[in-house]
Amino acid sequence: MKLTPLALTIALVASPTAAQDTMSALTRAERAYHSLETLSARFTQTIVNPMLGDPEVSHGTLFLMPPSRFAMRFSDPAGDRIVVDGTWLWAYSPSAVPGQVVRQPIPNRGAASPNLLAQFVDRPLEHYRAYYVGEETLNGELVDIVRLVPRREDLPFREALISISRETGLVLRLIVQEVSGQSRTLVFSELETNQPIPETELQFTVPAGVRIVTP
């Protein structure tokens, strides 16, 4: 669902219960997040850069063990991965930059966290101004769409749209408009909650011959 600024404005003006709907959706999402022991899901990521032409589409599996362990393991491009092991953020992209992995300390909470879910649903109103956009059906589930605008100016994105399942409170789609003008859309499917995750999925082992780079 592509929403233009005009469509967003119309949606906000047209809904007399927008504030109530926003609070209801975000409360449901935050409650669902804090009830998680683990989460795994398939994802499709689409990046659109106006300067580069065709969208870049990738696929993989997301793993989450709140509050501070998180991983995105890509099947396409195969071998790429982002791992947050509770202490370090590891970003490894052999498809683009072979021979090195970036390692850096991470915050565990709030809007600066690389945890794609926590940064939008963990105490969201402390970090964002929130607006109710509307509802739609996504992958067979009714979702509420909420627009989040950062309260701080030092974050790398201008706004985000999160689609929250009316039934489970889980985020099924995330659309981020980055400061660079690039947009990133993540759609989640086959979500499983509170099931064991193999320890190796939330760890990063440096491959032989790969150099660690710390910004």
N, C-alpha and C. Protein backbone atom coordinates (compact mmCIF):
# COMPACT_ATOMS: atom_id res chain seq x y z
N MET A 1 0.85 -1.19 0.00
CA MET A 1 0.00 0.00 0.00
C MET A 1 0.88 1.23 0.00
N LYS A 2 0.83 2.03 -1.05
CA LYS A 2 1.65 3.22 -1.15
C LYS A 2 0.79 4.42 -0.80
N LEU A 3 1.21 5.18 0.21
CA LEU A 3 0.44 6.32 0.69
C LEU A 3 1.17 7.61 0.39
N THR A 4 0.55 8.47 -0.40
CA THR A 4 1.15 9.76 -0.70
C THR A 4 0.91 10.71 0.46
N PRO A 5 1.68 11.82 0.55
CA PRO A 5 1.43 12.80 1.61
C PRO A 5 -0.01 13.29 1.62
N LEU A 6 -0.63 13.48 0.43
CA LEU A 6 -2.02 13.93 0.38
C LEU A 6 -2.94 12.87 0.96
N ALA A 7 -2.70 11.59 0.60
CA ALA A 7 -3.54 10.52 1.13
C ALA A 7 -3.42 10.42 2.64
N LEU A 8 -2.21 10.63 3.15
CA LEU A 8 -2.02 10.61 4.59
C LEU A 8 -2.82 11.72 5.25
N THR A 9 -2.77 12.91 4.66
CA THR A 9 -3.49 14.06 5.23
C THR A 9 -4.99 13.79 5.24
N ILE A 10 -5.53 13.26 4.13
CA ILE A 10 -6.95 12.97 4.05
C ILE A 10 -7.35 11.95 5.09
N ALA A 11 -6.52 10.91 5.24
CA ALA A 11 -6.84 9.85 6.20
C ALA A 11 -6.89 10.39 7.62
N LEU A 12 -5.95 11.27 7.94
CA LEU A 12 -5.89 11.81 9.29
C LEU A 12 -7.08 12.72 9.57
N VAL A 13 -7.44 13.56 8.60
CA VAL A 13 -8.54 14.50 8.79
C VAL A 13 -9.87 13.76 8.83
N ALA A 14 -10.00 12.67 8.03
CA ALA A 14 -11.27 12.00 7.88
C ALA A 14 -11.65 11.14 9.08
N SER A 15 -10.73 10.82 9.94
CA SER A 15 -11.00 9.91 11.05
C SER A 15 -11.17 10.68 12.35
N PRO A 16 -12.42 10.85 12.83
CA PRO A 16 -12.64 11.60 14.07
C PRO A 16 -12.11 10.87 15.29
N THR A 17 -11.86 9.57 15.17
CA THR A 17 -11.35 8.81 16.31
C THR A 17 -9.88 8.46 16.13
N ALA A 18 -9.16 9.28 15.34
CA ALA A 18 -7.77 8.96 15.00
C ALA A 18 -6.90 8.80 16.23
N ALA A 19 -7.03 9.72 17.21
CA ALA A 19 -6.18 9.65 18.41
C ALA A 19 -6.45 8.37 19.18
N GLN A 20 -7.73 8.02 19.33
CA GLN A 20 -8.08 6.79 20.04
C GLN A 20 -7.57 5.56 19.29
N ASP A 21 -7.73 5.56 17.96
CA ASP A 21 -7.26 4.43 17.17
C ASP A 21 -5.74 4.29 17.24
N THR A 22 -5.04 5.42 17.23
CA THR A 22 -3.58 5.40 17.34
C THR A 22 -3.15 4.78 18.65
N MET A 23 -3.73 5.25 19.76
CA MET A 23 -3.37 4.72 21.06
C MET A 23 -3.70 3.24 21.18
N SER A 24 -4.85 2.85 20.66
CA SER A 24 -5.25 1.44 20.73
C SER A 24 -4.27 0.55 19.98
N ALA A 25 -3.88 0.97 18.76
CA ALA A 25 -2.97 0.17 17.95
C ALA A 25 -1.59 0.08 18.59
N LEU A 26 -1.06 1.22 19.05
CA LEU A 26 0.28 1.22 19.62
C LEU A 26 0.32 0.47 20.95
N THR A 27 -0.74 0.60 21.74
CA THR A 27 -0.81 -0.15 23.01
C THR A 27 -0.81 -1.65 22.73
N ARG A 28 -1.57 -2.05 21.72
CA ARG A 28 -1.62 -3.47 21.35
C ARG A 28 -0.26 -3.96 20.87
N ALA A 29 0.43 -3.13 20.08
CA ALA A 29 1.75 -3.53 19.57
C ALA A 29 2.78 -3.60 20.69
N GLU A 30 2.74 -2.64 21.61
CA GLU A 30 3.71 -2.65 22.70
C GLU A 30 3.47 -3.83 23.63
N ARG A 31 2.21 -4.11 23.91
CA ARG A 31 1.88 -5.25 24.77
C ARG A 31 2.33 -6.56 24.11
N ALA A 32 2.10 -6.68 22.81
CA ALA A 32 2.51 -7.90 22.10
C ALA A 32 4.03 -8.05 22.13
N TYR A 33 4.74 -6.94 21.93
CA TYR A 33 6.21 -7.00 21.93
C TYR A 33 6.73 -7.45 23.29
N HIS A 34 6.18 -6.87 24.35
CA HIS A 34 6.70 -7.20 25.69
C HIS A 34 6.26 -8.58 26.17
N SER A 35 5.33 -9.20 25.46
CA SER A 35 4.95 -10.57 25.81
C SER A 35 5.83 -11.60 25.11
N LEU A 36 6.70 -11.13 24.21
CA LEU A 36 7.53 -12.06 23.44
C LEU A 36 8.71 -12.57 24.25
N GLU A 37 8.91 -13.86 24.18
CA GLU A 37 10.18 -14.45 24.61
C GLU A 37 11.08 -14.62 23.39
N THR A 38 10.48 -15.03 22.28
CA THR A 38 11.20 -15.12 21.01
C THR A 38 10.23 -14.84 19.88
N LEU A 39 10.80 -14.48 18.74
CA LEU A 39 10.03 -14.31 17.51
C LEU A 39 10.91 -14.71 16.33
N SER A 40 10.33 -15.45 15.41
CA SER A 40 11.00 -15.70 14.13
C SER A 40 9.99 -15.45 13.02
N ALA A 41 10.49 -14.99 11.88
CA ALA A 41 9.59 -14.67 10.77
C ALA A 41 10.38 -14.63 9.47
N ARG A 42 9.73 -14.96 8.38
CA ARG A 42 10.29 -14.71 7.06
C ARG A 42 10.11 -13.23 6.75
N PHE A 43 11.04 -12.68 6.00
CA PHE A 43 10.88 -11.28 5.60
C PHE A 43 11.25 -11.10 4.13
N THR A 44 10.59 -10.12 3.54
CA THR A 44 10.96 -9.61 2.23
C THR A 44 11.27 -8.14 2.39
N GLN A 45 12.45 -7.74 1.98
CA GLN A 45 12.86 -6.35 2.10
C GLN A 45 12.98 -5.73 0.70
N THR A 46 12.38 -4.56 0.54
CA THR A 46 12.45 -3.84 -0.73
C THR A 46 13.01 -2.45 -0.47
N ILE A 47 14.12 -2.14 -1.12
CA ILE A 47 14.75 -0.83 -0.98
C ILE A 47 14.61 -0.09 -2.30
N VAL A 48 14.08 1.12 -2.22
CA VAL A 48 13.92 1.96 -3.41
C VAL A 48 14.77 3.20 -3.23
N ASN A 49 15.75 3.36 -4.12
CA ASN A 49 16.60 4.55 -4.13
C ASN A 49 16.35 5.28 -5.44
N PRO A 50 15.79 6.50 -5.39
CA PRO A 50 15.47 7.22 -6.61
C PRO A 50 16.67 7.44 -7.53
N MET A 51 17.87 7.39 -6.97
CA MET A 51 19.08 7.64 -7.76
C MET A 51 19.59 6.38 -8.46
N LEU A 52 19.07 5.21 -8.07
CA LEU A 52 19.65 3.97 -8.57
C LEU A 52 18.74 3.16 -9.48
N GLY A 53 17.50 3.60 -9.68
CA GLY A 53 16.64 2.90 -10.61
C GLY A 53 15.81 1.80 -9.97
N ASP A 54 15.97 0.58 -10.44
CA ASP A 54 15.10 -0.53 -10.04
C ASP A 54 15.20 -0.82 -8.54
N PRO A 55 14.08 -1.23 -7.92
CA PRO A 55 14.11 -1.60 -6.50
C PRO A 55 15.05 -2.77 -6.25
N GLU A 56 15.62 -2.80 -5.07
CA GLU A 56 16.49 -3.90 -4.63
C GLU A 56 15.68 -4.75 -3.66
N VAL A 57 15.46 -6.01 -4.03
CA VAL A 57 14.62 -6.90 -3.23
C VAL A 57 15.48 -8.01 -2.63
N SER A 58 15.30 -8.27 -1.35
CA SER A 58 16.04 -9.35 -0.68
C SER A 58 15.08 -10.11 0.22
N HIS A 59 15.52 -11.30 0.63
CA HIS A 59 14.68 -12.19 1.43
C HIS A 59 15.52 -12.84 2.53
N GLY A 60 14.84 -13.30 3.57
CA GLY A 60 15.56 -14.00 4.61
C GLY A 60 14.67 -14.30 5.81
N THR A 61 15.32 -14.57 6.93
CA THR A 61 14.63 -14.90 8.17
C THR A 61 15.09 -13.98 9.28
N LEU A 62 14.13 -13.48 10.04
CA LEU A 62 14.41 -12.63 11.20
C LEU A 62 14.27 -13.46 12.47
N PHE A 63 15.19 -13.24 13.41
CA PHE A 63 15.12 -13.87 14.73
C PHE A 63 15.22 -12.78 15.79
N LEU A 64 14.40 -12.91 16.82
CA LEU A 64 14.39 -11.90 17.89
C LEU A 64 14.25 -12.59 19.24
N MET A 65 15.13 -12.19 20.17
CA MET A 65 15.02 -12.60 21.56
C MET A 65 15.17 -11.33 22.40
N PRO A 66 14.04 -10.68 22.75
CA PRO A 66 14.12 -9.42 23.50
C PRO A 66 14.84 -9.60 24.82
N PRO A 67 15.49 -8.52 25.32
CA PRO A 67 15.47 -7.19 24.73
C PRO A 67 16.64 -6.88 23.80
N SER A 68 17.68 -7.74 23.78
CA SER A 68 18.92 -7.26 23.18
C SER A 68 19.58 -8.23 22.20
N ARG A 69 18.80 -9.22 21.71
CA ARG A 69 19.39 -10.14 20.74
C ARG A 69 18.47 -10.20 19.52
N PHE A 70 19.09 -10.09 18.35
CA PHE A 70 18.33 -9.89 17.13
C PHE A 70 19.19 -10.30 15.95
N ALA A 71 18.57 -10.86 14.92
CA ALA A 71 19.34 -11.22 13.73
C ALA A 71 18.46 -11.17 12.49
N MET A 72 19.07 -10.76 11.39
CA MET A 72 18.46 -10.88 10.06
C MET A 72 19.44 -11.67 9.23
N ARG A 73 19.03 -12.87 8.82
CA ARG A 73 19.89 -13.74 8.03
C ARG A 73 19.28 -13.85 6.63
N PHE A 74 20.04 -13.40 5.64
CA PHE A 74 19.52 -13.30 4.29
C PHE A 74 19.74 -14.61 3.52
N SER A 75 18.69 -15.04 2.85
CA SER A 75 18.83 -16.15 1.91
C SER A 75 19.11 -15.63 0.51
N ASP A 76 18.74 -14.38 0.26
CA ASP A 76 19.00 -13.72 -1.02
C ASP A 76 19.19 -12.23 -0.75
N PRO A 77 20.44 -11.73 -0.77
CA PRO A 77 21.67 -12.42 -1.17
C PRO A 77 22.16 -13.37 -0.07
N ALA A 78 22.48 -14.57 -0.48
CA ALA A 78 22.87 -15.61 0.46
C ALA A 78 24.14 -15.22 1.21
N GLY A 79 24.12 -15.45 2.53
CA GLY A 79 25.30 -15.21 3.34
C GLY A 79 25.33 -13.86 4.02
N ASP A 80 24.60 -12.88 3.53
CA ASP A 80 24.55 -11.59 4.21
C ASP A 80 23.80 -11.75 5.53
N ARG A 81 24.22 -11.02 6.54
CA ARG A 81 23.51 -11.09 7.80
C ARG A 81 23.83 -9.91 8.71
N ILE A 82 22.87 -9.61 9.56
CA ILE A 82 23.02 -8.62 10.62
C ILE A 82 22.71 -9.36 11.92
N VAL A 83 23.61 -9.28 12.88
CA VAL A 83 23.44 -9.99 14.14
C VAL A 83 23.71 -9.04 15.29
N VAL A 84 22.77 -8.96 16.21
CA VAL A 84 22.94 -8.21 17.45
C VAL A 84 22.97 -9.25 18.56
N ASP A 85 24.15 -9.45 19.15
CA ASP A 85 24.32 -10.58 20.08
C ASP A 85 24.17 -10.19 21.55
N GLY A 86 23.66 -8.98 21.80
CA GLY A 86 23.51 -8.50 23.17
C GLY A 86 24.58 -7.53 23.57
N THR A 87 25.71 -7.56 22.88
CA THR A 87 26.83 -6.65 23.15
C THR A 87 27.25 -5.90 21.90
N TRP A 88 27.34 -6.62 20.79
CA TRP A 88 27.83 -6.06 19.54
C TRP A 88 26.79 -6.16 18.44
N LEU A 89 26.85 -5.20 17.54
CA LEU A 89 26.14 -5.28 16.27
C LEU A 89 27.15 -5.69 15.21
N TRP A 90 26.86 -6.80 14.53
CA TRP A 90 27.70 -7.30 13.45
C TRP A 90 26.94 -7.11 12.14
N ALA A 91 27.56 -6.49 11.16
CA ALA A 91 26.96 -6.32 9.84
C ALA A 91 27.91 -6.91 8.81
N TYR A 92 27.48 -8.00 8.19
CA TYR A 92 28.33 -8.76 7.28
C TYR A 92 27.64 -8.88 5.93
N SER A 93 28.24 -8.33 4.90
CA SER A 93 27.64 -8.31 3.56
C SER A 93 28.64 -8.81 2.53
N PRO A 94 28.92 -10.11 2.51
CA PRO A 94 29.89 -10.63 1.54
C PRO A 94 29.44 -10.44 0.09
N SER A 95 28.13 -10.23 -0.13
CA SER A 95 27.65 -10.00 -1.49
C SER A 95 28.13 -8.65 -2.04
N ALA A 96 28.38 -7.70 -1.13
CA ALA A 96 28.79 -6.36 -1.56
C ALA A 96 30.22 -6.02 -1.15
N VAL A 97 30.59 -6.39 0.08
CA VAL A 97 31.93 -6.06 0.60
C VAL A 97 32.54 -7.33 1.18
N PRO A 98 33.07 -8.20 0.37
CA PRO A 98 33.66 -9.44 0.88
C PRO A 98 34.93 -9.14 1.66
N GLY A 99 35.19 -10.00 2.65
CA GLY A 99 36.47 -9.90 3.36
C GLY A 99 36.45 -9.05 4.59
N GLN A 100 35.29 -8.46 4.95
CA GLN A 100 35.25 -7.68 6.19
C GLN A 100 33.86 -7.73 6.81
N VAL A 101 33.83 -7.56 8.12
CA VAL A 101 32.59 -7.45 8.86
C VAL A 101 32.69 -6.22 9.75
N VAL A 102 31.62 -5.46 9.84
CA VAL A 102 31.59 -4.27 10.69
C VAL A 102 31.05 -4.69 12.06
N ARG A 103 31.77 -4.29 13.12
CA ARG A 103 31.35 -4.58 14.49
C ARG A 103 31.32 -3.28 15.27
N GLN A 104 30.21 -3.04 15.98
CA GLN A 104 30.13 -1.83 16.80
C GLN A 104 29.23 -2.07 18.00
N PRO A 105 29.46 -1.34 19.10
CA PRO A 105 28.59 -1.46 20.27
C PRO A 105 27.19 -0.99 19.91
N ILE A 106 26.22 -1.47 20.66
CA ILE A 106 24.83 -1.12 20.35
C ILE A 106 24.09 -0.67 21.61
N PRO A 107 23.12 0.24 21.42
CA PRO A 107 22.14 0.48 22.49
C PRO A 107 21.12 -0.63 22.45
N ASN A 108 20.52 -0.94 23.58
CA ASN A 108 19.57 -2.05 23.63
C ASN A 108 18.12 -1.63 23.54
N ARG A 109 17.83 -0.34 23.75
CA ARG A 109 16.44 0.08 23.83
C ARG A 109 16.25 1.36 23.04
N GLY A 110 14.96 1.62 22.74
CA GLY A 110 14.59 2.91 22.20
C GLY A 110 14.80 3.06 20.72
N ALA A 111 14.67 4.30 20.26
CA ALA A 111 14.62 4.58 18.83
C ALA A 111 15.95 4.42 18.14
N ALA A 112 17.05 4.34 18.88
CA ALA A 112 18.35 4.16 18.24
C ALA A 112 18.73 2.69 18.09
N SER A 113 17.92 1.78 18.63
CA SER A 113 18.25 0.37 18.58
C SER A 113 18.15 -0.17 17.16
N PRO A 114 19.08 -1.05 16.76
CA PRO A 114 18.95 -1.69 15.45
C PRO A 114 17.88 -2.77 15.43
N ASN A 115 17.33 -3.13 16.58
CA ASN A 115 16.22 -4.07 16.64
C ASN A 115 15.02 -3.43 15.94
N LEU A 116 14.66 -3.97 14.77
CA LEU A 116 13.67 -3.32 13.93
C LEU A 116 12.30 -3.20 14.58
N LEU A 117 11.98 -4.08 15.51
CA LEU A 117 10.69 -4.01 16.15
C LEU A 117 10.74 -3.12 17.38
N ALA A 118 11.74 -3.32 18.23
CA ALA A 118 11.80 -2.56 19.48
C ALA A 118 11.85 -1.07 19.23
N GLN A 119 12.56 -0.63 18.21
CA GLN A 119 12.73 0.80 18.02
C GLN A 119 11.42 1.50 17.64
N PHE A 120 10.41 0.73 17.21
CA PHE A 120 9.14 1.34 16.85
C PHE A 120 8.00 1.04 17.82
N VAL A 121 8.09 -0.02 18.61
CA VAL A 121 6.96 -0.38 19.47
C VAL A 121 7.31 -0.41 20.95
N ASP A 122 8.56 -0.19 21.32
CA ASP A 122 8.94 -0.11 22.73
C ASP A 122 8.86 1.35 23.16
N ARG A 123 7.82 1.70 23.92
CA ARG A 123 7.57 3.07 24.37
C ARG A 123 7.57 4.05 23.18
N PRO A 124 6.77 3.80 22.18
CA PRO A 124 6.86 4.59 20.94
C PRO A 124 6.57 6.07 21.12
N LEU A 125 5.64 6.42 22.01
CA LEU A 125 5.27 7.82 22.13
C LEU A 125 6.35 8.67 22.80
N GLU A 126 7.34 8.01 23.43
CA GLU A 126 8.48 8.76 23.95
C GLU A 126 9.40 9.21 22.82
N HIS A 127 9.37 8.49 21.72
CA HIS A 127 10.33 8.73 20.64
C HIS A 127 9.70 9.34 19.38
N TYR A 128 8.37 9.20 19.25
CA TYR A 128 7.73 9.61 18.00
C TYR A 128 6.43 10.37 18.26
N ARG A 129 6.06 11.21 17.30
CA ARG A 129 4.69 11.69 17.19
C ARG A 129 3.96 10.68 16.32
N ALA A 130 2.77 10.29 16.74
CA ALA A 130 2.07 9.17 16.09
C ALA A 130 0.74 9.63 15.53
N TYR A 131 0.40 9.10 14.35
CA TYR A 131 -0.83 9.47 13.65
C TYR A 131 -1.47 8.21 13.06
N TYR A 132 -2.77 8.10 13.25
CA TYR A 132 -3.49 6.95 12.68
C TYR A 132 -3.78 7.21 11.21
N VAL A 133 -3.40 6.25 10.35
CA VAL A 133 -3.59 6.39 8.90
C VAL A 133 -4.83 5.67 8.43
N GLY A 134 -5.05 4.45 8.92
CA GLY A 134 -6.22 3.70 8.49
C GLY A 134 -6.02 2.21 8.71
N GLU A 135 -6.87 1.42 8.10
CA GLU A 135 -6.78 -0.03 8.22
C GLU A 135 -6.82 -0.66 6.84
N GLU A 136 -6.30 -1.87 6.73
CA GLU A 136 -6.37 -2.63 5.49
C GLU A 136 -6.15 -4.10 5.82
N THR A 137 -6.30 -4.95 4.83
CA THR A 137 -6.01 -6.37 4.98
C THR A 137 -4.66 -6.66 4.35
N LEU A 138 -3.78 -7.28 5.13
CA LEU A 138 -2.43 -7.59 4.68
C LEU A 138 -2.18 -9.08 4.93
N ASN A 139 -1.91 -9.81 3.86
CA ASN A 139 -1.69 -11.26 3.98
C ASN A 139 -2.81 -11.95 4.74
N GLY A 140 -4.04 -11.50 4.49
CA GLY A 140 -5.19 -12.14 5.10
C GLY A 140 -5.52 -11.66 6.50
N GLU A 141 -4.76 -10.70 7.04
CA GLU A 141 -5.01 -10.20 8.38
C GLU A 141 -5.37 -8.72 8.34
N LEU A 142 -6.32 -8.33 9.18
CA LEU A 142 -6.68 -6.93 9.30
C LEU A 142 -5.61 -6.22 10.12
N VAL A 143 -5.10 -5.11 9.59
CA VAL A 143 -4.04 -4.37 10.27
C VAL A 143 -4.44 -2.90 10.41
N ASP A 144 -3.92 -2.27 11.47
CA ASP A 144 -3.99 -0.82 11.64
C ASP A 144 -2.66 -0.23 11.21
N ILE A 145 -2.72 0.87 10.45
CA ILE A 145 -1.51 1.52 9.96
C ILE A 145 -1.30 2.81 10.75
N VAL A 146 -0.12 2.92 11.34
CA VAL A 146 0.22 4.09 12.15
C VAL A 146 1.47 4.75 11.58
N ARG A 147 1.42 6.05 11.45
CA ARG A 147 2.58 6.82 10.98
C ARG A 147 3.33 7.37 12.19
N LEU A 148 4.64 7.17 12.20
CA LEU A 148 5.50 7.62 13.30
C LEU A 148 6.51 8.62 12.75
N VAL A 149 6.59 9.79 13.39
CA VAL A 149 7.54 10.84 13.01
C VAL A 149 8.47 11.06 14.19
N PRO A 150 9.80 10.92 14.00
CA PRO A 150 10.73 11.04 15.13
C PRO A 150 10.64 12.41 15.81
N ARG A 151 10.73 12.39 17.13
CA ARG A 151 10.79 13.63 17.90
C ARG A 151 12.20 14.23 17.86
N ARG A 152 13.20 13.39 17.57
CA ARG A 152 14.59 13.85 17.47
C ARG A 152 14.98 14.02 16.02
N GLU A 153 15.92 14.91 15.77
CA GLU A 153 16.34 15.18 14.40
C GLU A 153 17.59 14.41 14.00
N ASP A 154 18.16 13.62 14.91
CA ASP A 154 19.41 12.94 14.60
C ASP A 154 19.21 11.48 14.18
N LEU A 155 17.98 11.06 13.96
CA LEU A 155 17.74 9.70 13.50
C LEU A 155 17.85 9.65 11.97
N PRO A 156 18.19 8.50 11.41
CA PRO A 156 18.45 8.42 9.97
C PRO A 156 17.20 8.27 9.11
N PHE A 157 16.02 8.52 9.67
CA PHE A 157 14.81 8.44 8.86
C PHE A 157 13.85 9.56 9.25
N ARG A 158 13.01 9.91 8.26
CA ARG A 158 12.07 11.01 8.45
C ARG A 158 10.76 10.54 9.06
N GLU A 159 10.30 9.36 8.67
CA GLU A 159 9.05 8.82 9.18
C GLU A 159 8.99 7.33 8.89
N ALA A 160 8.05 6.68 9.58
CA ALA A 160 7.83 5.26 9.36
C ALA A 160 6.34 4.98 9.39
N LEU A 161 5.91 3.99 8.61
CA LEU A 161 4.55 3.47 8.67
C LEU A 161 4.64 2.04 9.16
N ILE A 162 3.93 1.74 10.26
CA ILE A 162 3.92 0.38 10.77
C ILE A 162 2.50 -0.17 10.66
N SER A 163 2.40 -1.40 10.19
CA SER A 163 1.11 -2.08 10.05
C SER A 163 1.01 -3.13 11.15
N ILE A 164 0.05 -2.94 12.05
CA ILE A 164 -0.06 -3.72 13.27
C ILE A 164 -1.27 -4.66 13.17
N SER A 165 -1.04 -5.94 13.36
CA SER A 165 -2.11 -6.92 13.29
C SER A 165 -3.18 -6.62 14.33
N ARG A 166 -4.44 -6.55 13.88
CA ARG A 166 -5.55 -6.33 14.80
C ARG A 166 -5.72 -7.52 15.74
N GLU A 167 -5.34 -8.71 15.28
CA GLU A 167 -5.53 -9.93 16.08
C GLU A 167 -4.41 -10.16 17.08
N THR A 168 -3.14 -10.04 16.64
CA THR A 168 -2.01 -10.42 17.49
C THR A 168 -1.22 -9.24 18.04
N GLY A 169 -1.35 -8.08 17.43
CA GLY A 169 -0.55 -6.93 17.83
C GLY A 169 0.85 -6.93 17.25
N LEU A 170 1.19 -7.93 16.45
CA LEU A 170 2.52 -8.00 15.86
C LEU A 170 2.61 -7.09 14.63
N VAL A 171 3.80 -6.56 14.38
CA VAL A 171 4.04 -5.73 13.22
C VAL A 171 4.21 -6.64 12.00
N LEU A 172 3.36 -6.44 10.99
CA LEU A 172 3.41 -7.27 9.79
C LEU A 172 4.09 -6.56 8.62
N ARG A 173 4.20 -5.23 8.70
CA ARG A 173 4.90 -4.48 7.65
C ARG A 173 5.48 -3.21 8.25
N LEU A 174 6.64 -2.85 7.77
CA LEU A 174 7.33 -1.64 8.20
C LEU A 174 7.84 -0.92 6.96
N ILE A 175 7.47 0.36 6.83
CA ILE A 175 7.94 1.19 5.72
C ILE A 175 8.65 2.39 6.31
N VAL A 176 9.92 2.55 5.96
CA VAL A 176 10.73 3.64 6.52
C VAL A 176 11.18 4.56 5.39
N GLN A 177 10.95 5.85 5.56
CA GLN A 177 11.44 6.86 4.64
C GLN A 177 12.72 7.45 5.24
N GLU A 178 13.85 7.13 4.63
CA GLU A 178 15.13 7.53 5.18
C GLU A 178 15.49 8.96 4.78
N VAL A 179 16.37 9.57 5.56
CA VAL A 179 16.79 10.95 5.30
C VAL A 179 17.40 11.10 3.92
N SER A 180 18.05 10.07 3.45
CA SER A 180 18.71 10.10 2.14
C SER A 180 17.72 10.16 0.98
N GLY A 181 16.43 9.93 1.26
CA GLY A 181 15.44 9.84 0.20
C GLY A 181 15.11 8.41 -0.17
N GLN A 182 15.88 7.48 0.33
CA GLN A 182 15.65 6.05 0.08
C GLN A 182 14.50 5.56 0.95
N SER A 183 13.70 4.65 0.44
CA SER A 183 12.65 4.02 1.24
C SER A 183 12.95 2.54 1.40
N ARG A 184 12.57 2.01 2.55
CA ARG A 184 12.82 0.60 2.87
C ARG A 184 11.52 0.00 3.38
N THR A 185 11.09 -1.09 2.74
CA THR A 185 9.86 -1.77 3.15
C THR A 185 10.19 -3.20 3.55
N LEU A 186 9.73 -3.58 4.72
CA LEU A 186 9.88 -4.95 5.21
C LEU A 186 8.50 -5.53 5.45
N VAL A 187 8.24 -6.68 4.83
CA VAL A 187 6.99 -7.40 5.03
C VAL A 187 7.32 -8.73 5.70
N PHE A 188 6.63 -9.03 6.80
CA PHE A 188 6.90 -10.23 7.58
C PHE A 188 5.79 -11.26 7.38
N SER A 189 6.17 -12.53 7.32
CA SER A 189 5.22 -13.62 7.16
C SER A 189 5.70 -14.83 7.94
N GLU A 190 4.82 -15.82 8.09
CA GLU A 190 5.15 -17.05 8.81
C GLU A 190 5.73 -16.75 10.19
N LEU A 191 5.09 -15.84 10.90
CA LEU A 191 5.56 -15.45 12.22
C LEU A 191 5.32 -16.56 13.24
N GLU A 192 6.34 -16.85 14.04
CA GLU A 192 6.24 -17.81 15.13
C GLU A 192 6.73 -17.15 16.40
N THR A 193 5.93 -17.24 17.45
CA THR A 193 6.29 -16.60 18.71
C THR A 193 6.56 -17.63 19.79
N ASN A 194 7.52 -17.29 20.65
CA ASN A 194 7.83 -18.06 21.85
C ASN A 194 8.18 -19.52 21.56
N GLN A 195 8.88 -19.70 20.44
CA GLN A 195 9.43 -21.01 20.10
C GLN A 195 10.95 -20.95 20.22
N PRO A 196 11.61 -22.06 20.57
CA PRO A 196 13.07 -22.03 20.74
C PRO A 196 13.78 -21.58 19.48
N ILE A 197 14.81 -20.77 19.67
CA ILE A 197 15.68 -20.33 18.57
C ILE A 197 17.06 -20.93 18.81
N PRO A 198 17.63 -21.60 17.83
CA PRO A 198 18.98 -22.14 18.02
C PRO A 198 19.97 -21.02 18.39
N GLU A 199 20.81 -21.29 19.37
CA GLU A 199 21.75 -20.29 19.84
C GLU A 199 22.62 -19.74 18.72
N THR A 200 22.95 -20.57 17.77
CA THR A 200 23.83 -20.13 16.69
C THR A 200 23.21 -19.04 15.82
N GLU A 201 21.88 -18.96 15.80
CA GLU A 201 21.23 -17.93 14.98
C GLU A 201 21.45 -16.53 15.54
N LEU A 202 21.71 -16.44 16.84
CA LEU A 202 21.86 -15.15 17.50
C LEU A 202 23.32 -14.87 17.88
N GLN A 203 24.22 -15.58 17.25
CA GLN A 203 25.64 -15.36 17.43
C GLN A 203 26.28 -15.10 16.08
N PHE A 204 27.42 -14.43 16.10
CA PHE A 204 28.17 -14.25 14.86
C PHE A 204 29.57 -14.80 15.05
N THR A 205 29.94 -15.74 14.20
CA THR A 205 31.28 -16.29 14.19
C THR A 205 32.01 -15.72 12.99
N VAL A 206 33.13 -15.06 13.24
CA VAL A 206 33.88 -14.43 12.15
C VAL A 206 34.46 -15.49 11.24
N PRO A 207 34.12 -15.49 9.96
CA PRO A 207 34.68 -16.47 9.04
C PRO A 207 36.19 -16.30 8.89
N ALA A 208 36.86 -17.38 8.59
CA ALA A 208 38.31 -17.34 8.40
C ALA A 208 38.66 -16.34 7.29
N GLY A 209 39.67 -15.51 7.58
CA GLY A 209 40.14 -14.55 6.61
C GLY A 209 39.35 -13.26 6.53
N VAL A 210 38.29 -13.13 7.35
CA VAL A 210 37.48 -11.92 7.33
C VAL A 210 37.98 -10.94 8.39
N ARG A 211 38.19 -9.70 7.98
CA ARG A 211 38.72 -8.65 8.86
C ARG A 211 37.60 -7.95 9.60
N ILE A 212 37.79 -7.71 10.90
CA ILE A 212 36.81 -6.98 11.71
C ILE A 212 37.11 -5.48 11.62
N VAL A 213 36.10 -4.71 11.24
CA VAL A 213 36.22 -3.25 11.15
C VAL A 213 35.32 -2.64 12.21
N THR A 214 35.87 -1.78 13.06
CA THR A 214 35.08 -1.11 14.11
C THR A 214 35.08 0.40 13.83
N PRO A 215 33.93 0.97 13.46
CA PRO A 215 33.88 2.41 13.15
C PRO A 215 34.30 3.27 14.34
